[in-house]
Every structure is written in C-alpha cells, then in structure tokens.
C-alpha cells in the first residue's frame, strides 16, 4: 500500500527529475568540473529522497533542492581536494540570496536558450552540446569533431554570439515576463 511517506518520496523525485537539467547546470557553474557533477547530482538525489518528508508541497522546490545541491557541491569539493572553480565563500555568497532568485525568469530564459540551440547550424549545435551540455574540453570537442582547437574556439565564439542574439530577440518578441500562478 502507498503511504504518505512513499508519496512524498515519489513527489520530490518527480520534481527532481523535472528540474534535473537546470540542477546540473547549477552544479557545473559552481564546480567548473564536469567530472564531479554526476557524483554531486547522485548525492543530491539521495539526500532529497531521504528528506522528502521535510519538503512542504507548495513551497519553492528549486530553492530547497538547490540548497541541498550547494551543500553537496561544497562537500564534494572539500573531499576531492581538486582545485575549485569558485572558492567556498564565493559559492556561499552567490547562493545567499537564492530565495530572492526569480526562478520563473530562469525557466523562461532556459526555454529560450534551448530553442535557440535547436536553431543553430548542425555542426555548431554539436560543438555547443559537446562543450556545454556534456562538459568536454574544447580540445576534446575538436578531437571528436575532427577540427582544430582554434576552429572549435572560433565556432563556439560565433555560436555564443548567435545564441545571445537569438535569446535577446525571443525575449523582446515575448515581452515582459509574467508571474506564474
């Protein structure tokens, strides 16, 4: 039989999966090390599942999950002894105002970026996905695509410019964001 505890776990796990791409991006932005991301995401998932009963339905899941991910990121960086992309105090400072963060605007921008990535030329899209979605170094992207490192740097620079312009156009066309709810 289903119990309220099981329902809570399934509920937060469902929310977790729905927010996974954004959460991965958040963790990558804090670590700068794609090699740590999967372990941090897994630890975050386990902690969220274990603490499911403490999450209040109707409150800000992202703020709750991101807070757990931030702590798991700091823990992983401390344990790994790897060079930090950002110092722990900088991570804490950046995350200090997470409750005030406009998650609706974040989601809106994420939708625009995803649509703009789809509009890129196929090779540019492949380079962007290998570099930023899969976290490969520019040298590895060049190797995989059979290009020179310089060609990849130029292609990524042009793709970022194209993406920025595309997102700006979409934002203007859509108009101001509206609160959800």
C-alpha atoms as a PDB file:
ATOM      1  CA  UNK A   1       0.000   0.000   0.000  1.00  0.00           C
ATOM      2  CA  UNK A   2       1.015   3.556  -0.623  1.00  0.00           C
ATOM      3  CA  UNK A   3       1.866   5.600   2.410  1.00  0.00           C
ATOM      4  CA  UNK A   4       2.181   9.370   2.789  1.00  0.00           C
ATOM      5  CA  UNK A   5       5.961   8.885   3.200  1.00  0.00           C
ATOM      6  CA  UNK A   6       6.185   6.977  -0.092  1.00  0.00           C
ATOM      7  CA  UNK A   7       4.027   9.592  -1.795  1.00  0.00           C
ATOM      8  CA  UNK A   8       6.366  12.332  -0.534  1.00  0.00           C
ATOM      9  CA  UNK A   9       9.426  10.491  -1.853  1.00  0.00           C
ATOM     10  CA  UNK A  10       7.833   9.900  -5.253  1.00  0.00           C
ATOM     11  CA  UNK A  11       6.703  13.536  -5.334  1.00  0.00           C
ATOM     12  CA  UNK A  12      10.146  15.023  -4.705  1.00  0.00           C
ATOM     13  CA  UNK A  13      11.799  12.510  -7.010  1.00  0.00           C
ATOM     14  CA  UNK A  14       9.404  13.523  -9.779  1.00  0.00           C
ATOM     15  CA  UNK A  15      10.192  17.198  -9.164  1.00  0.00           C
ATOM     16  CA  UNK A  16      13.902  16.371  -9.103  1.00  0.00           C
ATOM     17  CA  UNK A  17      13.772  14.664 -12.499  1.00  0.00           C
ATOM     18  CA  UNK A  18      11.817  17.586 -13.944  1.00  0.00           C
ATOM     19  CA  UNK A  19      14.453  20.031 -12.757  1.00  0.00           C
ATOM     20  CA  UNK A  20      17.499  17.865 -13.490  1.00  0.00           C
ATOM     21  CA  UNK A  21      18.899  19.787 -16.493  1.00  0.00           C
ATOM     22  CA  UNK A  22      18.795  23.091 -14.612  1.00  0.00           C
ATOM     23  CA  UNK A  23      20.219  21.492 -11.477  1.00  0.00           C
ATOM     24  CA  UNK A  24      23.105  20.012 -13.485  1.00  0.00           C
ATOM     25  CA  UNK A  25      23.792  23.454 -14.914  1.00  0.00           C
ATOM     26  CA  UNK A  26      23.781  24.940 -11.429  1.00  0.00           C
ATOM     27  CA  UNK A  27      26.258  22.353 -10.129  1.00  0.00           C
ATOM     28  CA  UNK A  28      28.524  22.742 -13.165  1.00  0.00           C
ATOM     29  CA  UNK A  29      28.501  26.512 -12.654  1.00  0.00           C
ATOM     30  CA  UNK A  30      29.682  26.032  -9.077  1.00  0.00           C
ATOM     31  CA  UNK A  31      32.338  23.401  -9.709  1.00  0.00           C
ATOM     32  CA  UNK A  32      33.650  24.097 -13.180  1.00  0.00           C
ATOM     33  CA  UNK A  33      34.421  20.363 -13.141  1.00  0.00           C
ATOM     34  CA  UNK A  34      32.047  18.204 -15.199  1.00  0.00           C
ATOM     35  CA  UNK A  35      33.762  15.123 -13.733  1.00  0.00           C
ATOM     36  CA  UNK A  36      32.308  15.853 -10.281  1.00  0.00           C
ATOM     37  CA  UNK A  37      28.811  16.688 -11.446  1.00  0.00           C
ATOM     38  CA  UNK A  38      27.344  13.181 -11.690  1.00  0.00           C
ATOM     39  CA  UNK A  39      28.509  12.271  -8.186  1.00  0.00           C
ATOM     40  CA  UNK A  40      27.123  15.515  -6.753  1.00  0.00           C
ATOM     41  CA  UNK A  41      23.810  15.051  -8.566  1.00  0.00           C
ATOM     42  CA  UNK A  42      23.550  11.489  -7.267  1.00  0.00           C
ATOM     43  CA  UNK A  43      24.286  12.583  -3.688  1.00  0.00           C
ATOM     44  CA  UNK A  44      21.768  15.392  -4.035  1.00  0.00           C
ATOM     45  CA  UNK A  45      19.124  12.947  -5.288  1.00  0.00           C
ATOM     46  CA  UNK A  46      19.755  10.577  -2.374  1.00  0.00           C
ATOM     47  CA  UNK A  47      19.551  13.402   0.155  1.00  0.00           C
ATOM     48  CA  UNK A  48      16.403  14.845  -1.388  1.00  0.00           C
ATOM     49  CA  UNK A  49      14.810  11.402  -1.327  1.00  0.00           C
ATOM     50  CA  UNK A  50      15.822  10.851   2.300  1.00  0.00           C
ATOM     51  CA  UNK A  51      14.494  14.270   3.323  1.00  0.00           C
ATOM     52  CA  UNK A  52      11.320  14.114   1.234  1.00  0.00           C
ATOM     53  CA  UNK A  53       9.079  14.311   4.289  1.00  0.00           C
ATOM     54  CA  UNK A  54      10.591  17.701   5.197  1.00  0.00           C
ATOM     55  CA  UNK A  55       9.620  19.290   1.889  1.00  0.00           C
ATOM     56  CA  UNK A  56       6.344  21.184   2.090  1.00  0.00           C
ATOM     57  CA  UNK A  57       4.263  20.869  -1.062  1.00  0.00           C
ATOM     58  CA  UNK A  58       3.541  24.300  -2.492  1.00  0.00           C
ATOM     59  CA  UNK A  59       6.825  25.807  -1.349  1.00  0.00           C
ATOM     60  CA  UNK A  60       9.799  26.526  -3.585  1.00  0.00           C
ATOM     61  CA  UNK A  61      11.223  23.144  -4.586  1.00  0.00           C
ATOM     62  CA  UNK A  62      14.062  24.729  -6.536  1.00  0.00           C
ATOM     63  CA  UNK A  63      15.280  26.756  -3.565  1.00  0.00           C
ATOM     64  CA  UNK A  64      15.166  23.633  -1.392  1.00  0.00           C
ATOM     65  CA  UNK A  65      16.858  21.343  -3.924  1.00  0.00           C
ATOM     66  CA  UNK A  66      19.472  23.923  -4.941  1.00  0.00           C
ATOM     67  CA  UNK A  67      20.357  24.474  -1.294  1.00  0.00           C
ATOM     68  CA  UNK A  68      20.982  20.746  -0.881  1.00  0.00           C
ATOM     69  CA  UNK A  69      22.966  20.673  -4.138  1.00  0.00           C
ATOM     70  CA  UNK A  70      25.066  23.617  -2.960  1.00  0.00           C
ATOM     71  CA  UNK A  71      25.956  21.798   0.265  1.00  0.00           C
ATOM     72  CA  UNK A  72      26.721  18.575  -1.610  1.00  0.00           C
ATOM     73  CA  UNK A  73      28.900  20.554  -4.032  1.00  0.00           C
ATOM     74  CA  UNK A  74      30.909  22.121  -1.209  1.00  0.00           C
ATOM     75  CA  UNK A  75      31.255  18.702   0.429  1.00  0.00           C
ATOM     76  CA  UNK A  76      32.450  17.094  -2.823  1.00  0.00           C
ATOM     77  CA  UNK A  77      34.950  19.874  -3.482  1.00  0.00           C
ATOM     78  CA  UNK A  78      36.300  19.574   0.053  1.00  0.00           C
ATOM     79  CA  UNK A  79      36.627  15.771  -0.221  1.00  0.00           C
ATOM     80  CA  UNK A  80      38.139  15.775  -3.708  1.00  0.00           C
ATOM     81  CA  UNK A  81      40.831  18.270  -2.882  1.00  0.00           C
ATOM     82  CA  UNK A  82      40.574  19.383  -6.513  1.00  0.00           C
ATOM     83  CA  UNK A  83      41.181  22.946  -7.500  1.00  0.00           C
ATOM     84  CA  UNK A  84      37.979  24.868  -7.028  1.00  0.00           C
ATOM     85  CA  UNK A  85      36.433  26.835  -9.807  1.00  0.00           C
ATOM     86  CA  UNK A  86      34.973  29.117  -7.142  1.00  0.00           C
ATOM     87  CA  UNK A  87      36.103  29.424  -3.545  1.00  0.00           C
ATOM     88  CA  UNK A  88      33.676  28.117  -0.906  1.00  0.00           C
ATOM     89  CA  UNK A  89      32.968  31.620   0.428  1.00  0.00           C
ATOM     90  CA  UNK A  90      32.192  32.833  -3.105  1.00  0.00           C
ATOM     91  CA  UNK A  91      29.788  29.919  -3.607  1.00  0.00           C
ATOM     92  CA  UNK A  92      28.114  30.750  -0.294  1.00  0.00           C
ATOM     93  CA  UNK A  93      27.870  34.413  -1.242  1.00  0.00           C
ATOM     94  CA  UNK A  94      26.421  33.671  -4.670  1.00  0.00           C
ATOM     95  CA  UNK A  95      23.845  31.339  -3.170  1.00  0.00           C
ATOM     96  CA  UNK A  96      22.983  33.564  -0.191  1.00  0.00           C
ATOM     97  CA  UNK A  97      20.069  35.170  -1.986  1.00  0.00           C
ATOM     98  CA  UNK A  98      18.644  32.058  -3.621  1.00  0.00           C
ATOM     99  CA  UNK A  99      15.186  32.691  -2.127  1.00  0.00           C
ATOM    100  CA  UNK A 100      15.026  36.021  -3.983  1.00  0.00           C
ATOM    101  CA  UNK A 101      16.090  34.432  -7.258  1.00  0.00           C
ATOM    102  CA  UNK A 102      13.441  34.718  -9.965  1.00  0.00           C
ATOM    103  CA  UNK A 103      13.001  31.074 -10.953  1.00  0.00           C
ATOM    104  CA  UNK A 104      10.218  31.927 -13.404  1.00  0.00           C
ATOM    105  CA  UNK A 105      12.607  34.192 -15.306  1.00  0.00           C
ATOM    106  CA  UNK A 106      15.296  31.500 -15.125  1.00  0.00           C
ATOM    107  CA  UNK A 107      12.884  28.953 -16.643  1.00  0.00           C
ATOM    108  CA  UNK A 108      11.854  31.443 -19.321  1.00  0.00           C
ATOM    109  CA  UNK A 109      15.465  32.094 -20.308  1.00  0.00           C
ATOM    110  CA  UNK A 110      16.276  28.391 -20.238  1.00  0.00           C
ATOM    111  CA  UNK A 111      13.416  27.730 -22.687  1.00  0.00           C
ATOM    112  CA  UNK A 112      14.724  30.463 -24.996  1.00  0.00           C
ATOM    113  CA  UNK A 113      18.288  29.116 -24.877  1.00  0.00           C
ATOM    114  CA  UNK A 114      17.081  25.568 -25.629  1.00  0.00           C
ATOM    115  CA  UNK A 115      15.037  26.790 -28.607  1.00  0.00           C
ATOM    116  CA  UNK A 116      17.950  28.873 -29.890  1.00  0.00           C
ATOM    117  CA  UNK A 117      20.340  25.923 -29.599  1.00  0.00           C
ATOM    118  CA  UNK A 118      17.948  23.902 -31.758  1.00  0.00           C
ATOM    119  CA  UNK A 119      18.086  26.700 -34.355  1.00  0.00           C
ATOM    120  CA  UNK A 120      21.898  26.564 -34.646  1.00  0.00           C
ATOM    121  CA  UNK A 121      23.515  25.000 -37.686  1.00  0.00           C
ATOM    122  CA  UNK A 122      24.036  21.263 -37.053  1.00  0.00           C
ATOM    123  CA  UNK A 123      27.822  21.401 -36.575  1.00  0.00           C
ATOM    124  CA  UNK A 124      27.613  24.466 -34.336  1.00  0.00           C
ATOM    125  CA  UNK A 125      24.893  22.742 -32.293  1.00  0.00           C
ATOM    126  CA  UNK A 126      27.065  19.636 -31.947  1.00  0.00           C
ATOM    127  CA  UNK A 127      30.041  21.705 -30.773  1.00  0.00           C
ATOM    128  CA  UNK A 128      27.900  23.600 -28.242  1.00  0.00           C
ATOM    129  CA  UNK A 129      26.320  20.417 -26.899  1.00  0.00           C
ATOM    130  CA  UNK A 130      29.648  18.595 -26.583  1.00  0.00           C
ATOM    131  CA  UNK A 131      31.265  21.556 -24.856  1.00  0.00           C
ATOM    132  CA  UNK A 132      28.493  22.841 -22.593  1.00  0.00           C
ATOM    133  CA  UNK A 133      25.960  20.051 -22.158  1.00  0.00           C
ATOM    134  CA  UNK A 134      28.454  17.192 -21.913  1.00  0.00           C
ATOM    135  CA  UNK A 135      31.290  19.220 -20.410  1.00  0.00           C
ATOM    136  CA  UNK A 136      34.054  18.191 -22.804  1.00  0.00           C
ATOM    137  CA  UNK A 137      37.077  20.444 -23.099  1.00  0.00           C
ATOM    138  CA  UNK A 138      37.483  22.428 -26.300  1.00  0.00           C
ATOM    139  CA  UNK A 139      40.398  20.148 -27.209  1.00  0.00           C
ATOM    140  CA  UNK A 140      38.200  17.073 -26.775  1.00  0.00           C
ATOM    141  CA  UNK A 141      35.413  18.657 -28.841  1.00  0.00           C
ATOM    142  CA  UNK A 142      37.961  19.384 -31.577  1.00  0.00           C
ATOM    143  CA  UNK A 143      39.201  15.793 -31.478  1.00  0.00           C
ATOM    144  CA  UNK A 144      35.668  14.350 -31.618  1.00  0.00           C
ATOM    145  CA  UNK A 145      34.640  16.610 -34.480  1.00  0.00           C
ATOM    146  CA  UNK A 146      37.907  16.286 -36.410  1.00  0.00           C
ATOM    147  CA  UNK A 147      38.540  20.028 -36.239  1.00  0.00           C
ATOM    148  CA  UNK A 148      41.460  22.043 -34.946  1.00  0.00           C
ATOM    149  CA  UNK A 149      41.266  23.526 -31.457  1.00  0.00           C
ATOM    150  CA  UNK A 150      41.341  27.001 -32.985  1.00  0.00           C
ATOM    151  CA  UNK A 151      38.397  26.155 -35.270  1.00  0.00           C
ATOM    152  CA  UNK A 152      36.406  24.985 -32.236  1.00  0.00           C
ATOM    153  CA  UNK A 153      37.188  28.174 -30.306  1.00  0.00           C
ATOM    154  CA  UNK A 154      36.024  30.263 -33.260  1.00  0.00           C
ATOM    155  CA  UNK A 155      32.904  28.125 -33.791  1.00  0.00           C
ATOM    156  CA  UNK A 156      31.978  28.297 -30.095  1.00  0.00           C
ATOM    157  CA  UNK A 157      32.542  32.053 -30.007  1.00  0.00           C
ATOM    158  CA  UNK A 158      30.278  32.528 -33.023  1.00  0.00           C
ATOM    159  CA  UNK A 159      27.685  30.132 -31.588  1.00  0.00           C
ATOM    160  CA  UNK A 160      27.612  32.032 -28.270  1.00  0.00           C
ATOM    161  CA  UNK A 161      27.122  35.322 -30.144  1.00  0.00           C
ATOM    162  CA  UNK A 162      24.337  33.769 -32.239  1.00  0.00           C
ATOM    163  CA  UNK A 163      22.695  32.329 -29.121  1.00  0.00           C
ATOM    164  CA  UNK A 164      22.889  35.650 -27.277  1.00  0.00           C
ATOM    165  CA  UNK A 165      21.281  37.482 -30.219  1.00  0.00           C
ATOM    166  CA  UNK A 166      18.622  34.787 -30.625  1.00  0.00           C
ATOM    167  CA  UNK A 167      17.681  34.864 -26.934  1.00  0.00           C
ATOM    168  CA  UNK A 168      17.536  38.675 -26.965  1.00  0.00           C
ATOM    169  CA  UNK A 169      15.178  38.605 -29.971  1.00  0.00           C
ATOM    170  CA  UNK A 170      12.945  35.994 -28.332  1.00  0.00           C
ATOM    171  CA  UNK A 171      12.783  37.943 -25.079  1.00  0.00           C
ATOM    172  CA  UNK A 172      11.792  41.127 -26.919  1.00  0.00           C
ATOM    173  CA  UNK A 173       9.217  39.257 -29.019  1.00  0.00           C
ATOM    174  CA  UNK A 174       7.698  37.584 -25.951  1.00  0.00           C
ATOM    175  CA  UNK A 175       7.544  40.755 -23.924  1.00  0.00           C
ATOM    176  CA  UNK A 176       7.980  41.121 -20.176  1.00  0.00           C
ATOM    177  CA  UNK A 177       7.806  38.000 -18.063  1.00  0.00           C
ATOM    178  CA  UNK A 178       4.638  37.442 -16.119  1.00  0.00           C
ATOM    179  CA  UNK A 179       4.423  35.844 -12.699  1.00  0.00           C
ATOM    180  CA  UNK A 180       3.139  32.280 -12.817  1.00  0.00           C
ATOM    181  CA  UNK A 181       0.235  31.373 -10.603  1.00  0.00           C
END
